[in-house]
Amino acid sequence: MKTFFIILTFLTLFTGCSRKNAFFEFNMDKDQELSATSIQSSKIVSKDGETQGVISVIYLNEIYPKLYNKNEYFFVFLFTKEAKEIYNPNKSADSNLKLKLNSKLPIEVEQLPEENKFSHLVNSKNNWNSYYLITFEKTDTINLLLEDNVSSSKILHYESVKSPQN
């Protein structure tokens, strides 16, 4: 009887193993799977340790290498306690919240509506986030940092995607 319970226990444990991957139970297309592996998030923390918000970033060059390859492109969604916008070089308004790639400012920032062409990549859409398509010059190393005078995020690292050969 003791042997029967031991065998039953092992059979129960091993029947839980399967060949399915983490995405089996999700209805995701290839782009959504790539975005799930690409997304990085960081708290935005003040100098005195208080959380001021959250930034999440998807590196679009990884998701759409044929479409986004001339520069470095990022889909960014941002939540801050106080209403803040990311610095935009094309607007005269001076925002002190700056997203930098290797200490350099973006060459283009486009604020997006809640429903946008990248909405399908994430499952957390809400009206209290701000959404952006941010473009930086092409580079070999990717270290993103969001900061202002009183707070900053951790550095988000990505592997640079080489342009596809045609």
Protein backbone atom coordinates (compact mmCIF):
# COMPACT_ATOMS: atom_id res chain seq x y z
CA MET A 1 0.00 0.00 0.00
CA LYS A 2 2.89 2.32 0.83
CA THR A 3 4.43 1.65 -2.59
CA PHE A 4 1.11 2.43 -4.26
CA PHE A 5 1.00 5.91 -2.64
CA ILE A 6 4.60 6.65 -3.62
CA ILE A 7 3.91 5.70 -7.24
CA LEU A 8 0.66 7.67 -7.22
CA THR A 9 2.50 10.73 -5.86
CA PHE A 10 5.16 10.59 -8.58
CA LEU A 11 2.57 10.06 -11.29
CA THR A 12 0.63 13.08 -10.05
CA LEU A 13 3.77 15.23 -10.05
CA PHE A 14 4.88 14.19 -13.53
CA THR A 15 1.46 14.55 -15.13
CA GLY A 16 1.66 18.24 -14.23
CA CYS A 17 4.64 18.60 -16.57
CA SER A 18 3.86 19.39 -20.17
CA ARG A 19 5.39 20.59 -23.39
CA LYS A 20 3.33 23.78 -23.48
CA ASN A 21 5.15 27.10 -23.15
CA ALA A 22 4.18 30.17 -21.12
CA PHE A 23 2.13 31.63 -23.97
CA PHE A 24 -0.01 28.52 -24.56
CA GLU A 25 -2.98 29.73 -22.49
CA PHE A 26 -2.85 33.23 -23.99
CA ASN A 27 -4.23 34.23 -27.34
CA MET A 28 -1.23 36.27 -28.41
CA ASP A 29 0.09 36.94 -31.85
CA LYS A 30 3.82 37.04 -32.56
CA ASP A 31 4.05 40.83 -32.01
CA GLN A 32 2.39 40.54 -28.60
CA GLU A 33 4.74 37.73 -27.58
CA LEU A 34 7.75 39.82 -28.62
CA SER A 35 6.44 42.84 -26.74
CA ALA A 36 5.96 40.73 -23.61
CA THR A 37 9.65 39.87 -23.70
CA SER A 38 10.68 43.43 -24.60
CA ILE A 39 8.71 45.42 -22.04
CA GLN A 40 10.65 46.90 -19.14
CA SER A 41 9.25 48.97 -16.29
CA SER A 42 10.69 51.07 -13.53
CA LYS A 43 9.39 53.07 -10.63
CA ILE A 44 10.12 56.77 -10.74
CA VAL A 45 11.54 57.56 -7.33
CA SER A 46 12.26 60.94 -5.74
CA LYS A 47 15.59 61.71 -4.09
CA ASP A 48 13.99 61.10 -0.68
CA GLY A 49 12.77 57.63 -1.74
CA GLU A 50 9.09 58.34 -2.46
CA THR A 51 7.55 56.73 -5.55
CA GLN A 52 6.43 59.41 -8.00
CA GLY A 53 5.19 57.16 -10.80
CA VAL A 54 5.97 54.30 -13.16
CA ILE A 55 7.46 54.20 -16.66
CA SER A 56 7.08 51.21 -19.01
CA VAL A 57 8.95 50.90 -22.29
CA ILE A 58 8.75 48.60 -25.32
CA TYR A 59 11.65 48.68 -27.78
CA LEU A 60 9.88 48.77 -31.15
CA ASN A 61 13.00 47.87 -33.16
CA GLU A 62 12.74 44.38 -31.62
CA ILE A 63 9.05 44.02 -32.45
CA TYR A 64 9.00 45.52 -35.95
CA PRO A 65 12.60 45.42 -37.24
CA LYS A 66 11.62 46.03 -40.89
CA LEU A 67 9.50 49.06 -40.05
CA TYR A 68 11.53 50.62 -37.23
CA ASN A 69 15.21 50.46 -38.10
CA LYS A 70 16.54 53.90 -39.11
CA ASN A 71 16.67 55.14 -35.52
CA GLU A 72 15.85 53.77 -32.07
CA TYR A 73 12.07 53.71 -31.45
CA PHE A 74 10.26 53.18 -28.17
CA PHE A 75 6.63 52.90 -27.17
CA VAL A 76 6.45 54.47 -23.71
CA PHE A 77 3.61 54.59 -21.26
CA LEU A 78 3.95 56.73 -18.21
CA PHE A 79 2.03 57.21 -15.00
CA THR A 80 2.96 60.00 -12.60
CA LYS A 81 1.24 61.19 -9.41
CA GLU A 82 1.38 64.77 -10.63
CA ALA A 83 0.50 65.54 -14.25
CA LYS A 84 3.78 65.67 -16.16
CA GLU A 85 4.77 65.28 -19.76
CA ILE A 86 7.96 63.98 -21.30
CA TYR A 87 10.19 66.62 -22.85
CA ASN A 88 9.40 67.14 -26.55
CA PRO A 89 12.04 68.92 -28.68
CA ASN A 90 9.30 70.10 -31.08
CA LYS A 91 7.23 71.92 -28.45
CA SER A 92 8.15 75.22 -26.88
CA ALA A 93 6.73 74.18 -23.49
CA ASP A 94 9.55 73.42 -21.10
CA SER A 95 9.04 70.06 -19.44
CA ASN A 96 11.56 69.01 -16.87
CA LEU A 97 10.72 65.28 -17.24
CA LYS A 98 13.32 64.01 -19.70
CA LEU A 99 13.77 60.55 -21.18
CA LYS A 100 17.39 60.14 -22.24
CA LEU A 101 19.13 57.48 -24.28
CA ASN A 102 22.80 57.30 -23.28
CA SER A 103 22.42 60.83 -21.79
CA LYS A 104 21.03 62.22 -25.08
CA LEU A 105 17.57 63.71 -25.56
CA PRO A 106 15.13 62.32 -28.15
CA ILE A 107 14.97 63.68 -31.67
CA GLU A 108 11.20 63.21 -31.84
CA VAL A 109 8.40 62.71 -29.32
CA GLU A 110 4.82 62.00 -30.34
CA GLN A 111 2.17 61.88 -27.63
CA LEU A 112 -0.36 59.17 -28.48
CA PRO A 113 -4.01 58.74 -27.51
CA GLU A 114 -5.03 55.89 -25.19
CA GLU A 115 -6.11 53.82 -28.22
CA ASN A 116 -3.20 53.91 -30.65
CA LYS A 117 -1.38 51.71 -33.16
CA PHE A 118 0.62 50.05 -30.35
CA SER A 119 -2.30 49.46 -27.94
CA HIS A 120 -2.53 45.80 -28.92
CA LEU A 121 1.02 45.22 -27.60
CA VAL A 122 0.01 45.77 -23.97
CA ASN A 123 -2.97 44.70 -21.94
CA SER A 124 -2.88 47.63 -19.52
CA LYS A 125 -4.65 50.49 -21.25
CA ASN A 126 -6.15 53.17 -19.07
CA ASN A 127 -6.89 56.86 -19.14
CA TRP A 128 -4.45 57.82 -16.39
CA ASN A 129 -1.38 56.75 -18.40
CA SER A 130 0.32 58.96 -20.97
CA TYR A 131 1.43 57.19 -24.14
CA TYR A 132 4.34 58.19 -26.37
CA LEU A 133 6.25 57.14 -29.46
CA ILE A 134 9.79 58.35 -28.81
CA THR A 135 12.62 58.37 -31.34
CA PHE A 136 16.35 58.61 -30.67
CA GLU A 137 19.32 58.56 -33.00
CA LYS A 138 20.68 55.11 -33.84
CA THR A 139 23.22 53.81 -31.33
CA ASP A 140 25.06 50.60 -30.41
CA THR A 141 24.19 50.65 -26.71
CA ILE A 142 20.78 51.42 -25.26
CA ASN A 143 20.51 52.77 -21.74
CA LEU A 144 17.28 54.67 -21.09
CA LEU A 145 16.79 56.90 -18.06
CA LEU A 146 13.82 59.09 -17.14
CA GLU A 147 14.68 61.95 -14.81
CA ASP A 148 13.81 65.43 -13.69
CA ASN A 149 15.18 67.74 -11.02
CA VAL A 150 13.80 65.71 -8.11
CA SER A 151 13.32 62.11 -9.26
CA SER A 152 14.53 59.41 -11.65
CA SER A 153 13.87 55.88 -12.84
CA LYS A 154 16.36 53.04 -12.91
CA ILE A 155 18.32 52.62 -16.13
CA LEU A 156 16.57 50.36 -18.65
CA HIS A 157 19.00 48.37 -20.82
CA TYR A 158 18.24 46.92 -24.25
CA GLU A 159 20.32 45.13 -26.86
CA SER A 160 20.50 47.26 -30.00
CA VAL A 161 18.85 45.66 -33.03
CA LYS A 162 20.91 45.75 -36.21
CA SER A 163 19.11 46.89 -39.36
CA PRO A 164 17.82 43.96 -41.43
CA GLN A 165 19.76 43.24 -44.60
CA ASN A 166 17.62 43.58 -47.71
